N, C-alpha and C. Protein backbone atom coordinates (compact mmCIF):
# COMPACT_ATOMS: atom_id res chain seq x y z
N UNK A 1 80.31 -263.81 -18.25
CA UNK A 1 80.29 -262.81 -17.28
C UNK A 1 79.96 -261.72 -17.39
N UNK A 2 80.64 -261.81 -19.54
CA UNK A 2 80.16 -260.30 -20.00
C UNK A 2 78.91 -259.68 -19.88
N UNK A 3 78.15 -260.91 -20.40
CA UNK A 3 77.04 -260.72 -20.89
C UNK A 3 75.93 -260.32 -19.58
N UNK A 4 76.33 -261.01 -18.10
CA UNK A 4 75.43 -260.68 -17.38
C UNK A 4 75.61 -259.09 -16.93
N UNK A 5 77.09 -258.85 -17.30
CA UNK A 5 76.96 -257.31 -16.53
C UNK A 5 76.52 -256.51 -17.16
N UNK A 6 76.18 -256.55 -18.82
CA UNK A 6 75.62 -255.72 -19.50
C UNK A 6 74.56 -256.10 -19.44
N UNK A 7 73.54 -257.25 -19.21
CA UNK A 7 72.27 -257.01 -18.83
C UNK A 7 71.87 -256.06 -17.59
N UNK A 8 72.83 -256.50 -16.70
CA UNK A 8 72.67 -255.56 -15.08
C UNK A 8 72.75 -254.21 -15.75
N UNK A 9 73.57 -253.94 -16.41
CA UNK A 9 73.99 -252.42 -16.85
C UNK A 9 72.42 -251.96 -17.33
N UNK A 10 71.94 -252.33 -18.07
CA UNK A 10 70.84 -251.77 -18.96
C UNK A 10 69.53 -252.32 -17.69
N UNK A 11 69.53 -253.08 -17.14
CA UNK A 11 68.35 -253.17 -16.13
C UNK A 11 68.60 -251.84 -15.29
N UNK A 12 69.43 -251.62 -14.54
CA UNK A 12 69.44 -250.43 -14.08
C UNK A 12 69.64 -249.19 -14.10
N UNK A 13 69.57 -249.21 -16.23
CA UNK A 13 69.72 -247.62 -16.71
C UNK A 13 67.86 -247.20 -16.79
N UNK A 14 67.66 -248.99 -17.29
CA UNK A 14 66.31 -248.82 -17.40
C UNK A 14 65.31 -248.42 -16.31
N UNK A 15 65.68 -248.66 -15.13
CA UNK A 15 64.84 -248.81 -13.90
C UNK A 15 65.37 -247.08 -13.34
N UNK A 16 66.41 -246.61 -14.18
CA UNK A 16 66.89 -245.18 -13.40
C UNK A 16 65.93 -244.33 -14.79
N UNK A 17 65.52 -244.66 -15.81
CA UNK A 17 64.81 -243.72 -16.56
C UNK A 17 63.05 -243.94 -16.45
N UNK A 18 62.97 -244.64 -15.84
CA UNK A 18 61.22 -244.92 -15.43
C UNK A 18 61.15 -244.18 -14.30
N UNK A 19 61.81 -243.99 -13.29
CA UNK A 19 62.27 -243.29 -12.08
C UNK A 19 62.60 -241.93 -12.39
N UNK A 20 62.91 -241.56 -13.34
CA UNK A 20 63.24 -239.97 -13.58
C UNK A 20 61.51 -239.75 -14.35
N UNK A 21 61.55 -240.36 -15.56
CA UNK A 21 60.28 -239.78 -16.08
C UNK A 21 59.13 -239.06 -15.34
N UNK A 22 58.98 -240.60 -14.31
CA UNK A 22 57.64 -240.51 -13.39
C UNK A 22 57.78 -239.26 -12.57
N UNK A 23 59.32 -239.07 -12.52
CA UNK A 23 59.49 -237.54 -11.32
C UNK A 23 58.86 -236.55 -11.78
N UNK A 24 59.70 -236.42 -13.51
CA UNK A 24 59.46 -235.40 -14.05
C UNK A 24 57.64 -234.84 -14.37
N UNK A 25 57.46 -236.30 -14.81
CA UNK A 25 55.74 -236.37 -14.98
C UNK A 25 54.92 -235.71 -13.90
N UNK A 26 54.85 -236.20 -12.22
CA UNK A 26 54.82 -235.96 -11.41
C UNK A 26 55.11 -234.01 -11.38
N UNK A 27 56.26 -233.68 -11.32
CA UNK A 27 56.38 -232.52 -11.48
C UNK A 27 55.15 -231.47 -12.47
N UNK A 28 55.32 -231.93 -13.24
CA UNK A 28 54.39 -230.91 -14.23
C UNK A 28 52.84 -231.03 -13.80
N UNK A 29 52.46 -232.20 -13.70
CA UNK A 29 51.43 -232.45 -13.09
C UNK A 29 50.88 -231.74 -11.71
N UNK A 30 51.85 -231.32 -10.90
CA UNK A 30 51.90 -230.77 -9.60
C UNK A 30 51.46 -228.74 -10.46
N UNK A 31 52.51 -228.74 -11.27
CA UNK A 31 52.75 -227.39 -11.69
C UNK A 31 51.12 -226.96 -12.18
N UNK A 32 50.53 -227.63 -12.96
CA UNK A 32 49.55 -227.60 -13.81
C UNK A 32 48.72 -227.58 -12.65
N UNK A 33 48.30 -228.11 -11.80
CA UNK A 33 47.44 -228.40 -10.97
C UNK A 33 47.25 -226.78 -9.52
N UNK A 34 48.69 -226.33 -9.46
CA UNK A 34 48.94 -225.37 -9.03
C UNK A 34 48.51 -224.03 -9.57
N UNK A 35 48.49 -223.94 -10.78
CA UNK A 35 48.37 -223.14 -12.29
C UNK A 35 46.80 -222.44 -12.00
N UNK A 36 46.34 -221.12 -11.76
CA UNK A 36 44.94 -221.01 -11.50
C UNK A 36 44.39 -221.21 -13.03
N UNK A 37 42.66 -221.39 -12.59
CA UNK A 37 42.24 -221.66 -13.58
C UNK A 37 42.09 -220.35 -14.39
N UNK A 38 41.58 -220.29 -16.09
CA UNK A 38 41.37 -218.87 -16.61
C UNK A 38 40.01 -218.67 -16.41
N UNK A 39 39.84 -216.83 -15.92
CA UNK A 39 39.01 -216.52 -15.56
C UNK A 39 37.58 -216.24 -16.57
N UNK A 40 36.57 -216.48 -16.76
CA UNK A 40 35.82 -215.98 -17.95
C UNK A 40 34.59 -214.92 -16.99
N UNK A 41 34.31 -214.10 -18.07
CA UNK A 41 33.39 -212.63 -17.23
C UNK A 41 32.36 -212.98 -18.20
N UNK A 42 31.08 -212.85 -17.51
CA UNK A 42 29.47 -213.05 -17.93
C UNK A 42 28.98 -212.43 -17.20
N UNK A 43 27.97 -211.92 -17.64
CA UNK A 43 26.93 -210.44 -17.01
C UNK A 43 25.45 -210.95 -17.53
N UNK A 44 24.50 -210.95 -16.45
CA UNK A 44 22.98 -210.99 -17.29
C UNK A 44 22.70 -209.84 -17.55
N UNK A 45 22.84 -209.29 -16.56
CA UNK A 45 22.80 -207.60 -16.96
C UNK A 45 23.28 -207.01 -17.93
N UNK A 46 24.43 -206.99 -18.03
CA UNK A 46 25.23 -206.43 -19.47
C UNK A 46 25.63 -207.55 -20.44
N UNK A 47 25.60 -206.34 -21.66
CA UNK A 47 26.13 -207.62 -23.14
C UNK A 47 27.37 -207.16 -23.44
N UNK A 48 28.05 -208.04 -23.64
CA UNK A 48 29.69 -208.19 -24.06
C UNK A 48 29.64 -206.54 -24.63
N UNK A 49 30.97 -206.32 -23.62
CA UNK A 49 31.44 -205.14 -23.82
C UNK A 49 31.66 -204.68 -25.33
N UNK A 50 32.07 -205.47 -26.14
CA UNK A 50 32.60 -205.25 -27.67
C UNK A 50 31.23 -204.91 -28.64
N UNK A 51 29.80 -205.34 -28.05
CA UNK A 51 28.92 -205.63 -28.53
C UNK A 51 28.42 -204.21 -28.55
N UNK A 52 27.96 -203.28 -30.50
CA UNK A 52 27.30 -202.27 -30.12
C UNK A 52 26.35 -202.11 -29.58
N UNK A 53 26.26 -201.05 -29.49
CA UNK A 53 24.96 -200.38 -28.37
C UNK A 53 23.96 -199.40 -29.27
N UNK A 54 22.29 -199.70 -29.04
CA UNK A 54 21.25 -199.21 -29.61
C UNK A 54 20.79 -197.82 -28.93
N UNK A 55 20.12 -197.33 -29.52
CA UNK A 55 19.82 -196.30 -29.04
C UNK A 55 18.01 -195.74 -29.51
N UNK A 56 16.88 -195.77 -28.38
CA UNK A 56 15.78 -195.64 -29.26
C UNK A 56 15.59 -194.06 -29.09
N UNK A 57 15.54 -193.57 -30.58
CA UNK A 57 15.47 -192.28 -30.58
C UNK A 57 13.85 -191.38 -30.50
N UNK A 58 13.19 -192.17 -31.18
CA UNK A 58 11.93 -191.67 -30.58
C UNK A 58 11.04 -193.14 -30.34
N UNK A 59 9.76 -192.46 -29.75
CA UNK A 59 8.72 -193.86 -29.33
C UNK A 59 7.09 -192.59 -28.82
N UNK A 60 6.07 -193.86 -29.36
CA UNK A 60 5.02 -192.98 -29.09
C UNK A 60 3.93 -193.84 -28.83
N UNK A 61 2.70 -194.14 -28.17
CA UNK A 61 1.92 -194.63 -27.94
C UNK A 61 2.58 -196.20 -26.80
N UNK A 62 1.77 -196.98 -27.13
CA UNK A 62 2.27 -198.23 -25.94
C UNK A 62 3.32 -198.65 -26.30
N UNK A 63 4.54 -198.87 -25.78
CA UNK A 63 6.01 -199.82 -26.15
C UNK A 63 6.14 -200.68 -24.60
N UNK A 64 6.62 -201.39 -25.07
CA UNK A 64 6.98 -202.24 -23.94
C UNK A 64 8.44 -202.54 -24.29
N UNK A 65 9.26 -202.70 -23.02
CA UNK A 65 10.86 -203.02 -23.24
C UNK A 65 11.33 -204.10 -22.00
N UNK A 66 11.86 -204.90 -23.15
CA UNK A 66 12.24 -206.17 -21.90
C UNK A 66 13.62 -206.38 -22.12
N UNK A 67 14.25 -206.31 -21.19
CA UNK A 67 15.57 -206.08 -20.45
C UNK A 67 16.12 -207.61 -20.79
N UNK A 68 17.49 -208.00 -20.50
CA UNK A 68 18.10 -209.45 -20.85
C UNK A 68 17.87 -210.09 -18.97
N UNK A 69 17.15 -209.74 -18.52
CA UNK A 69 17.07 -210.32 -17.27
C UNK A 69 15.74 -210.46 -16.58
N UNK A 70 14.76 -210.33 -17.49
CA UNK A 70 13.39 -210.46 -17.25
C UNK A 70 12.45 -211.10 -18.61
N UNK A 71 11.25 -211.40 -18.49
CA UNK A 71 10.19 -212.73 -18.81
C UNK A 71 9.40 -211.97 -19.70
N UNK A 72 8.94 -210.22 -18.99
CA UNK A 72 7.88 -210.04 -19.57
C UNK A 72 8.60 -208.23 -19.75
N UNK A 73 8.03 -207.54 -20.81
CA UNK A 73 8.41 -206.57 -21.17
C UNK A 73 8.00 -205.41 -20.06
N UNK A 74 8.44 -204.45 -19.93
CA UNK A 74 7.95 -203.14 -18.92
C UNK A 74 7.98 -202.10 -19.85
N UNK A 75 6.61 -201.14 -19.57
CA UNK A 75 6.39 -199.99 -20.22
C UNK A 75 7.07 -198.58 -20.40
N UNK A 76 7.40 -198.17 -21.31
CA UNK A 76 8.69 -197.26 -21.54
C UNK A 76 7.84 -195.87 -21.92
N UNK A 77 7.93 -194.94 -21.41
CA UNK A 77 7.47 -193.59 -22.07
C UNK A 77 8.47 -192.74 -22.93
N UNK A 78 9.97 -193.17 -22.53
CA UNK A 78 10.75 -192.32 -22.84
C UNK A 78 12.14 -193.08 -24.22
N UNK A 79 12.82 -192.30 -24.50
CA UNK A 79 14.50 -193.23 -25.04
C UNK A 79 15.06 -193.68 -24.30
N UNK A 80 15.52 -194.57 -24.78
CA UNK A 80 16.17 -195.51 -23.42
C UNK A 80 17.16 -196.02 -24.33
N UNK A 81 18.70 -196.35 -24.23
CA UNK A 81 19.33 -197.20 -24.71
C UNK A 81 19.17 -198.40 -25.02
N UNK A 82 19.25 -199.15 -26.34
CA UNK A 82 18.97 -200.95 -26.08
C UNK A 82 20.66 -201.76 -26.28
N UNK A 83 20.52 -202.77 -25.63
CA UNK A 83 22.15 -203.59 -26.06
C UNK A 83 21.74 -205.36 -26.33
N UNK A 84 22.59 -205.87 -26.81
CA UNK A 84 21.83 -207.41 -27.18
C UNK A 84 21.45 -207.83 -25.88
N UNK A 85 20.67 -208.59 -26.36
CA UNK A 85 19.82 -209.78 -25.72
C UNK A 85 18.42 -209.14 -24.80
N UNK A 86 18.25 -207.69 -25.40
CA UNK A 86 16.81 -207.23 -25.16
C UNK A 86 15.80 -207.11 -26.19
N UNK A 87 14.12 -206.69 -25.48
CA UNK A 87 13.44 -206.41 -27.14
C UNK A 87 12.70 -205.36 -26.79
N UNK A 88 12.17 -205.16 -28.40
CA UNK A 88 10.99 -204.08 -28.07
C UNK A 88 9.52 -204.57 -28.37
N UNK A 89 8.27 -204.25 -27.64
CA UNK A 89 6.92 -204.63 -28.49
C UNK A 89 6.72 -203.64 -28.06
N UNK A 90 5.61 -203.49 -29.51
CA UNK A 90 4.85 -201.70 -29.83
C UNK A 90 3.42 -202.70 -29.64
N UNK A 91 2.36 -202.20 -29.15
CA UNK A 91 1.16 -202.62 -28.71
C UNK A 91 0.42 -201.86 -29.69
N UNK A 92 -1.17 -201.62 -29.62
CA UNK A 92 -1.90 -200.88 -30.87
C UNK A 92 -1.33 -199.65 -31.64
N UNK A 93 -1.04 -199.04 -30.27
CA UNK A 93 -0.82 -197.38 -30.92
C UNK A 93 0.54 -197.37 -30.72
N UNK A 94 1.86 -198.12 -30.50
CA UNK A 94 2.76 -198.24 -30.26
C UNK A 94 4.17 -197.75 -31.55
N UNK A 95 4.88 -197.18 -31.78
CA UNK A 95 5.92 -196.69 -32.67
C UNK A 95 6.67 -196.45 -32.30
N UNK A 96 8.40 -197.06 -32.78
CA UNK A 96 9.72 -196.82 -32.38
C UNK A 96 10.43 -196.69 -33.54
N UNK A 97 11.15 -195.57 -32.95
CA UNK A 97 12.68 -195.44 -33.80
C UNK A 97 13.71 -195.98 -33.17
N UNK A 98 14.54 -197.15 -33.55
CA UNK A 98 15.53 -197.65 -33.24
C UNK A 98 16.89 -197.29 -34.20
N UNK A 99 18.13 -197.04 -33.42
CA UNK A 99 19.33 -196.49 -34.40
C UNK A 99 20.38 -197.32 -33.77
N UNK A 100 21.08 -198.06 -34.20
CA UNK A 100 22.46 -198.19 -34.50
C UNK A 100 23.45 -197.23 -35.16
N UNK A 101 24.14 -196.77 -34.38
CA UNK A 101 25.28 -195.84 -34.92
C UNK A 101 25.72 -196.07 -36.39
N UNK A 102 26.11 -195.45 -37.32
CA UNK A 102 26.37 -195.25 -38.07
C UNK A 102 26.03 -197.25 -39.01
N UNK A 103 25.44 -197.83 -38.27
CA UNK A 103 25.10 -199.17 -38.60
C UNK A 103 23.42 -199.27 -39.15
N UNK A 104 22.49 -199.24 -38.76
CA UNK A 104 21.29 -199.79 -38.73
C UNK A 104 20.26 -198.51 -38.36
N UNK A 105 18.94 -198.52 -38.76
CA UNK A 105 18.15 -198.03 -38.39
C UNK A 105 16.60 -198.82 -38.84
N UNK A 106 16.03 -198.84 -37.31
CA UNK A 106 14.89 -199.28 -37.44
C UNK A 106 13.67 -198.90 -36.92
N UNK A 107 12.47 -198.59 -38.20
CA UNK A 107 11.32 -198.39 -37.86
C UNK A 107 10.42 -199.15 -37.73
N UNK A 108 9.92 -199.62 -35.76
CA UNK A 108 8.50 -200.40 -35.26
C UNK A 108 7.55 -199.98 -35.46
N UNK A 109 6.56 -200.54 -36.38
CA UNK A 109 5.04 -200.21 -36.33
C UNK A 109 4.32 -201.60 -35.05
N UNK A 110 2.68 -200.37 -34.94
CA UNK A 110 2.56 -201.07 -34.21
C UNK A 110 2.09 -202.49 -34.19
N UNK A 111 1.75 -203.13 -32.90
CA UNK A 111 2.03 -204.67 -32.94
C UNK A 111 2.94 -205.77 -33.10
N UNK A 112 4.27 -204.92 -32.84
CA UNK A 112 5.30 -205.48 -33.78
C UNK A 112 6.40 -206.06 -32.46
N UNK A 113 7.09 -207.25 -32.64
CA UNK A 113 8.12 -207.83 -31.37
C UNK A 113 8.99 -207.89 -32.35
N UNK A 114 10.37 -206.85 -31.50
CA UNK A 114 11.53 -207.28 -31.83
C UNK A 114 12.50 -207.60 -31.10
N UNK A 115 13.66 -208.25 -30.94
CA UNK A 115 15.05 -208.89 -29.83
C UNK A 115 15.94 -208.32 -30.89
N UNK A 116 16.71 -208.23 -30.27
CA UNK A 116 17.79 -208.02 -30.35
C UNK A 116 19.27 -208.90 -29.96
N UNK A 117 19.16 -209.62 -30.81
CA UNK A 117 19.53 -211.57 -30.80
C UNK A 117 21.03 -210.77 -30.89
N UNK A 118 21.52 -210.13 -31.43
CA UNK A 118 23.20 -210.27 -31.36
C UNK A 118 23.32 -208.57 -31.64
N UNK A 119 24.90 -207.73 -31.76
CA UNK A 119 24.91 -206.70 -31.82
C UNK A 119 26.76 -206.42 -31.74
N UNK A 120 27.23 -207.52 -32.47
CA UNK A 120 28.65 -207.49 -32.49
C UNK A 120 28.88 -207.00 -33.54
N UNK A 121 30.09 -206.35 -33.66
CA UNK A 121 30.13 -205.40 -34.77
C UNK A 121 30.89 -206.25 -36.60
N UNK A 122 30.80 -207.52 -35.64
CA UNK A 122 30.65 -208.62 -36.69
C UNK A 122 29.42 -208.62 -37.50
N UNK A 123 28.22 -208.55 -37.22
CA UNK A 123 27.06 -208.73 -37.41
C UNK A 123 26.13 -208.10 -36.43
N UNK A 124 25.28 -207.54 -36.97
CA UNK A 124 23.67 -207.25 -35.93
C UNK A 124 22.86 -208.25 -36.31
N UNK A 125 21.95 -208.94 -35.49
CA UNK A 125 20.74 -209.85 -35.72
C UNK A 125 19.61 -209.61 -35.02
N UNK A 126 18.72 -209.11 -35.85
CA UNK A 126 17.91 -208.80 -35.21
C UNK A 126 16.49 -210.04 -35.04
N UNK A 127 15.87 -210.40 -34.66
CA UNK A 127 14.70 -210.82 -34.76
C UNK A 127 13.33 -210.48 -34.49
N UNK A 128 12.58 -211.42 -35.53
CA UNK A 128 11.74 -210.53 -35.49
C UNK A 128 10.61 -210.99 -35.64
N UNK A 129 9.50 -211.26 -34.46
CA UNK A 129 8.38 -212.19 -34.29
C UNK A 129 7.11 -211.78 -35.02
N UNK A 130 6.95 -210.70 -35.27
CA UNK A 130 5.38 -210.54 -35.60
C UNK A 130 5.65 -209.00 -35.89
N UNK A 131 4.31 -208.81 -36.79
CA UNK A 131 4.40 -207.31 -36.81
C UNK A 131 4.56 -206.70 -38.36
N UNK A 132 5.09 -205.67 -38.63
CA UNK A 132 6.22 -205.05 -39.13
C UNK A 132 6.93 -204.12 -38.86
N UNK A 133 8.17 -203.86 -39.54
CA UNK A 133 9.53 -203.58 -38.90
C UNK A 133 10.11 -203.08 -40.56
N UNK A 134 10.23 -201.58 -40.71
CA UNK A 134 11.63 -201.16 -41.83
C UNK A 134 12.73 -200.99 -41.35
N UNK A 135 13.89 -201.73 -42.12
CA UNK A 135 15.16 -201.77 -41.65
C UNK A 135 16.11 -201.07 -43.06
N UNK A 136 17.06 -200.04 -42.57
CA UNK A 136 18.27 -199.63 -43.23
C UNK A 136 19.31 -199.79 -42.75
N UNK A 137 20.37 -200.16 -43.55
CA UNK A 137 21.39 -200.42 -43.64
C UNK A 137 22.11 -199.53 -43.94
N UNK A 138 23.17 -198.83 -43.00
CA UNK A 138 23.49 -197.41 -43.32
C UNK A 138 25.42 -197.87 -43.24
N UNK A 139 25.89 -198.56 -42.77
CA UNK A 139 27.15 -198.77 -43.13
C UNK A 139 27.95 -200.20 -43.65
N UNK A 140 28.60 -200.47 -42.92
CA UNK A 140 29.37 -201.85 -43.47
C UNK A 140 29.56 -203.19 -42.69
N UNK A 141 28.71 -202.75 -41.38
CA UNK A 141 28.99 -204.12 -40.53
C UNK A 141 27.60 -204.47 -41.37
N UNK A 142 27.66 -205.73 -41.20
CA UNK A 142 26.34 -206.81 -41.92
C UNK A 142 25.41 -206.40 -40.62
N UNK A 143 24.10 -206.29 -41.37
CA UNK A 143 23.02 -206.51 -40.74
C UNK A 143 21.57 -208.00 -41.25
N UNK A 144 21.14 -208.47 -40.44
CA UNK A 144 20.59 -209.32 -41.21
C UNK A 144 19.13 -210.17 -40.03
N UNK A 145 18.10 -210.25 -40.27
CA UNK A 145 16.90 -210.49 -39.34
C UNK A 145 16.43 -211.52 -39.85
N UNK A 146 16.40 -212.17 -38.84
CA UNK A 146 15.38 -213.77 -38.41
C UNK A 146 13.70 -213.39 -38.07
N UNK A 147 13.19 -214.20 -38.86
CA UNK A 147 11.73 -213.94 -38.71
C UNK A 147 11.05 -215.24 -38.87
N UNK A 148 10.70 -216.17 -37.95
CA UNK A 148 10.35 -217.19 -38.06
C UNK A 148 11.49 -218.38 -38.53
N UNK A 149 11.20 -219.10 -39.97
CA UNK A 149 11.89 -219.82 -40.39
C UNK A 149 13.03 -219.65 -41.31
N UNK A 150 12.95 -218.00 -41.45
CA UNK A 150 13.52 -217.01 -42.83
C UNK A 150 14.04 -216.13 -42.60
N UNK A 151 15.78 -216.45 -42.79
CA UNK A 151 16.69 -215.60 -42.62
C UNK A 151 17.13 -214.58 -43.56
N UNK A 152 17.03 -213.06 -43.32
CA UNK A 152 16.93 -212.25 -44.10
C UNK A 152 18.79 -211.74 -44.17
N UNK A 153 19.37 -211.35 -45.01
CA UNK A 153 20.36 -210.75 -44.71
C UNK A 153 20.59 -209.41 -45.53
N UNK A 154 20.47 -208.00 -44.99
CA UNK A 154 20.56 -206.69 -46.28
C UNK A 154 21.86 -206.41 -46.62
N UNK A 155 21.83 -206.64 -47.70
CA UNK A 155 23.00 -206.43 -48.53
C UNK A 155 23.87 -204.78 -48.56
N UNK A 156 22.40 -204.10 -49.01
CA UNK A 156 22.87 -202.42 -48.82
C UNK A 156 21.11 -202.24 -48.82
N UNK A 157 20.81 -200.88 -48.71
CA UNK A 157 19.66 -200.41 -48.44
C UNK A 157 18.23 -200.63 -47.38
N UNK A 158 17.31 -200.79 -48.31
CA UNK A 158 16.39 -200.26 -46.81
C UNK A 158 15.12 -201.81 -47.42
N UNK A 159 14.94 -202.53 -46.44
CA UNK A 159 13.78 -203.27 -46.98
C UNK A 159 12.49 -203.14 -45.51
N UNK A 160 11.53 -203.91 -45.52
CA UNK A 160 10.53 -204.09 -45.16
C UNK A 160 9.98 -205.68 -44.71
N UNK A 161 9.72 -205.82 -43.76
CA UNK A 161 9.90 -207.07 -43.36
C UNK A 161 8.24 -207.53 -42.50
N UNK A 162 6.93 -208.07 -43.31
CA UNK A 162 5.82 -208.06 -42.26
C UNK A 162 5.62 -209.55 -42.27
N UNK A 163 5.12 -209.49 -40.83
CA UNK A 163 4.78 -211.38 -40.41
C UNK A 163 3.38 -210.94 -40.00
N UNK A 164 2.46 -211.75 -41.15
CA UNK A 164 1.39 -211.94 -40.89
C UNK A 164 0.88 -212.37 -39.52
N UNK A 165 0.04 -211.75 -38.65
CA UNK A 165 -0.70 -212.51 -37.74
C UNK A 165 -1.98 -213.57 -38.07
N UNK A 166 -2.20 -213.61 -38.68
CA UNK A 166 -3.85 -214.67 -39.05
C UNK A 166 -3.33 -215.80 -40.04
N UNK A 167 -2.36 -215.61 -41.01
CA UNK A 167 -1.76 -216.45 -41.64
C UNK A 167 -0.72 -216.76 -42.05
N UNK A 168 0.08 -217.61 -41.90
CA UNK A 168 1.59 -218.17 -42.54
C UNK A 168 2.45 -217.77 -42.73
N UNK A 169 2.66 -216.26 -43.16
CA UNK A 169 3.15 -215.89 -44.41
C UNK A 169 4.07 -214.25 -44.10
N UNK A 170 5.26 -214.66 -44.56
CA UNK A 170 6.12 -213.16 -43.68
C UNK A 170 6.37 -213.01 -45.28
N UNK A 171 6.71 -211.60 -45.42
CA UNK A 171 6.82 -211.21 -46.54
C UNK A 171 7.89 -209.91 -46.36
N UNK A 172 8.66 -210.17 -47.58
CA UNK A 172 10.37 -209.11 -47.39
C UNK A 172 9.79 -208.10 -48.43
N UNK A 173 10.13 -206.96 -48.48
CA UNK A 173 9.44 -205.84 -49.27
C UNK A 173 11.52 -205.13 -49.60
N UNK A 174 11.91 -204.97 -51.02
CA UNK A 174 12.75 -204.18 -51.13
C UNK A 174 12.83 -203.20 -51.63
N UNK A 175 13.11 -201.83 -50.44
CA UNK A 175 12.58 -200.56 -51.56
C UNK A 175 13.79 -200.06 -51.89
N UNK A 176 14.72 -200.22 -51.82
CA UNK A 176 15.82 -200.29 -52.69
C UNK A 176 17.35 -201.13 -52.29
N UNK A 177 17.83 -201.02 -52.56
CA UNK A 177 19.34 -202.04 -52.57
C UNK A 177 18.92 -203.21 -53.11
N UNK A 178 19.60 -204.54 -52.08
CA UNK A 178 18.99 -205.63 -52.73
C UNK A 178 19.04 -206.43 -51.58
N UNK A 179 18.70 -207.80 -50.58
CA UNK A 179 18.54 -208.34 -49.48
C UNK A 179 18.85 -210.43 -50.47
N UNK A 180 19.44 -210.99 -49.63
CA UNK A 180 19.17 -212.46 -49.44
C UNK A 180 19.00 -213.29 -48.43
N UNK A 181 18.15 -214.22 -49.19
CA UNK A 181 17.63 -215.14 -47.80
C UNK A 181 17.71 -216.03 -47.93
N UNK A 182 17.53 -216.80 -46.85
CA UNK A 182 17.96 -218.46 -46.79
C UNK A 182 17.35 -219.01 -46.04
N UNK A 183 16.38 -220.05 -46.17
CA UNK A 183 15.38 -221.07 -45.73
C UNK A 183 15.59 -222.39 -45.41
N UNK A 184 15.45 -223.75 -44.60
CA UNK A 184 15.35 -224.37 -45.02
C UNK A 184 13.67 -225.11 -45.33
N UNK A 185 13.92 -226.46 -46.77
CA UNK A 185 12.59 -226.34 -47.21
C UNK A 185 12.30 -227.56 -46.51
N UNK A 186 11.29 -228.23 -47.07
CA UNK A 186 10.44 -229.39 -45.90
C UNK A 186 11.22 -230.58 -46.18
N UNK A 187 11.96 -230.89 -47.06
CA UNK A 187 13.37 -231.84 -46.85
C UNK A 187 14.59 -231.53 -46.14
N UNK A 188 14.72 -230.13 -45.59
CA UNK A 188 15.73 -229.82 -44.65
C UNK A 188 16.70 -229.14 -45.49
N UNK A 189 16.95 -229.12 -46.96
CA UNK A 189 17.92 -228.27 -47.53
C UNK A 189 17.47 -226.80 -47.99
N UNK A 190 18.89 -226.22 -47.95
CA UNK A 190 18.63 -225.38 -47.36
C UNK A 190 18.17 -224.41 -48.91
N UNK A 191 17.39 -222.91 -48.95
CA UNK A 191 17.48 -222.87 -50.23
C UNK A 191 17.83 -221.60 -50.06
N UNK A 192 18.22 -220.68 -51.04
CA UNK A 192 18.86 -218.99 -51.10
C UNK A 192 18.63 -218.19 -51.97
N UNK A 193 17.79 -217.43 -51.86
CA UNK A 193 17.58 -216.68 -52.86
C UNK A 193 17.76 -214.97 -52.75
N UNK A 194 17.64 -214.90 -53.90
CA UNK A 194 18.48 -212.88 -53.88
C UNK A 194 17.03 -212.15 -54.32
N UNK A 195 17.03 -211.41 -54.02
CA UNK A 195 16.01 -210.01 -54.40
C UNK A 195 16.53 -208.69 -53.96
N UNK A 196 15.94 -208.19 -55.56
CA UNK A 196 16.86 -206.93 -56.07
C UNK A 196 15.44 -206.14 -56.09
N UNK A 197 15.92 -204.63 -55.21
CA UNK A 197 15.48 -203.26 -55.44
C UNK A 197 13.80 -203.45 -56.45
N UNK A 198 12.75 -203.36 -55.66
CA UNK A 198 11.69 -203.06 -55.99
C UNK A 198 10.84 -204.29 -56.00
N UNK A 199 11.29 -205.61 -55.68
CA UNK A 199 11.02 -206.71 -55.16
C UNK A 199 10.32 -207.10 -54.23
N UNK A 200 9.43 -208.80 -54.09
CA UNK A 200 8.77 -208.82 -52.96
C UNK A 200 9.14 -210.18 -53.13
N UNK A 201 9.14 -210.82 -51.41
CA UNK A 201 9.77 -212.02 -51.67
C UNK A 201 8.25 -212.99 -50.15
N UNK A 202 7.54 -214.00 -50.74
CA UNK A 202 6.75 -214.11 -49.82
C UNK A 202 6.98 -215.38 -49.38
N UNK A 203 6.91 -215.91 -47.95
CA UNK A 203 7.50 -217.20 -47.76
C UNK A 203 6.31 -217.46 -46.99
N UNK A 204 5.51 -219.00 -46.75
CA UNK A 204 4.93 -219.64 -46.24
C UNK A 204 5.55 -220.42 -45.25
N UNK A 205 5.02 -219.96 -43.95
CA UNK A 205 5.88 -220.88 -43.35
C UNK A 205 5.82 -222.47 -42.61
N UNK A 206 4.75 -222.62 -43.01
CA UNK A 206 3.88 -223.69 -43.26
C UNK A 206 4.48 -225.08 -44.12
N UNK A 207 4.89 -224.52 -45.10
CA UNK A 207 4.48 -225.61 -46.36
C UNK A 207 6.57 -225.40 -46.57
N UNK A 208 7.07 -223.90 -46.13
CA UNK A 208 8.68 -223.58 -46.20
C UNK A 208 8.99 -223.66 -47.96
N UNK A 209 8.11 -222.71 -48.68
CA UNK A 209 8.25 -222.45 -50.05
C UNK A 209 7.94 -220.79 -50.09
N UNK A 210 9.23 -220.22 -51.02
CA UNK A 210 9.41 -219.03 -51.06
C UNK A 210 8.85 -218.66 -52.38
N UNK A 211 8.76 -217.81 -52.98
CA UNK A 211 8.32 -217.24 -54.34
C UNK A 211 8.51 -215.55 -54.17
N UNK A 212 9.17 -214.81 -55.40
CA UNK A 212 9.63 -213.60 -55.41
C UNK A 212 8.39 -212.87 -56.05
N UNK A 213 7.64 -212.20 -55.78
CA UNK A 213 6.65 -211.28 -56.70
C UNK A 213 7.37 -210.58 -57.73
N UNK A 214 6.36 -210.45 -58.47
CA UNK A 214 6.61 -209.31 -59.31
C UNK A 214 6.47 -208.01 -59.31
N UNK A 215 7.18 -206.95 -59.75
CA UNK A 215 6.82 -205.58 -59.27
C UNK A 215 5.69 -205.47 -59.50
């Protein structure tokens, strides 16, 4: 008789614990469903609020500006601000000076296309698809340029990047300071090279090979 009472006691206790567990679970789930979902702010028109804003200081000739929400550049005739996600295209006679205050100064030569891929304080990343542009790193914010399959990090100083229109070559000239380049070879192995002041690097976009040219 005693064993039967013990069994009944534990049986009822088990039912009570299962019922209590289900009740707590339902309460938690109900509270979670009633909680508002987190809100995310995203705008096609405007870059992230924390991103650095650039400014076209001077321009001459034929210059096109591509906003974040268009697919074709629009002609501009006077200096304007520029933000992450926008681009500049110079035609045969176009020249632009673009600056990010205390961070970078960029001279864009004719027949050149660049995009502001990222301008967050953690890293300014420019995409150069064609032509010739000169980059000066002015402050502590990291400055990098992606050109075709080549990534160039300007450690300090001034460099010029030229993308050949007719041949599969990208040239990086270090006027002063230093730069580090990275790319994947044909075996998808990452290669890293350092370029010091007064030297140049020639990168072949077809065979994914690079060599540092002599002074």
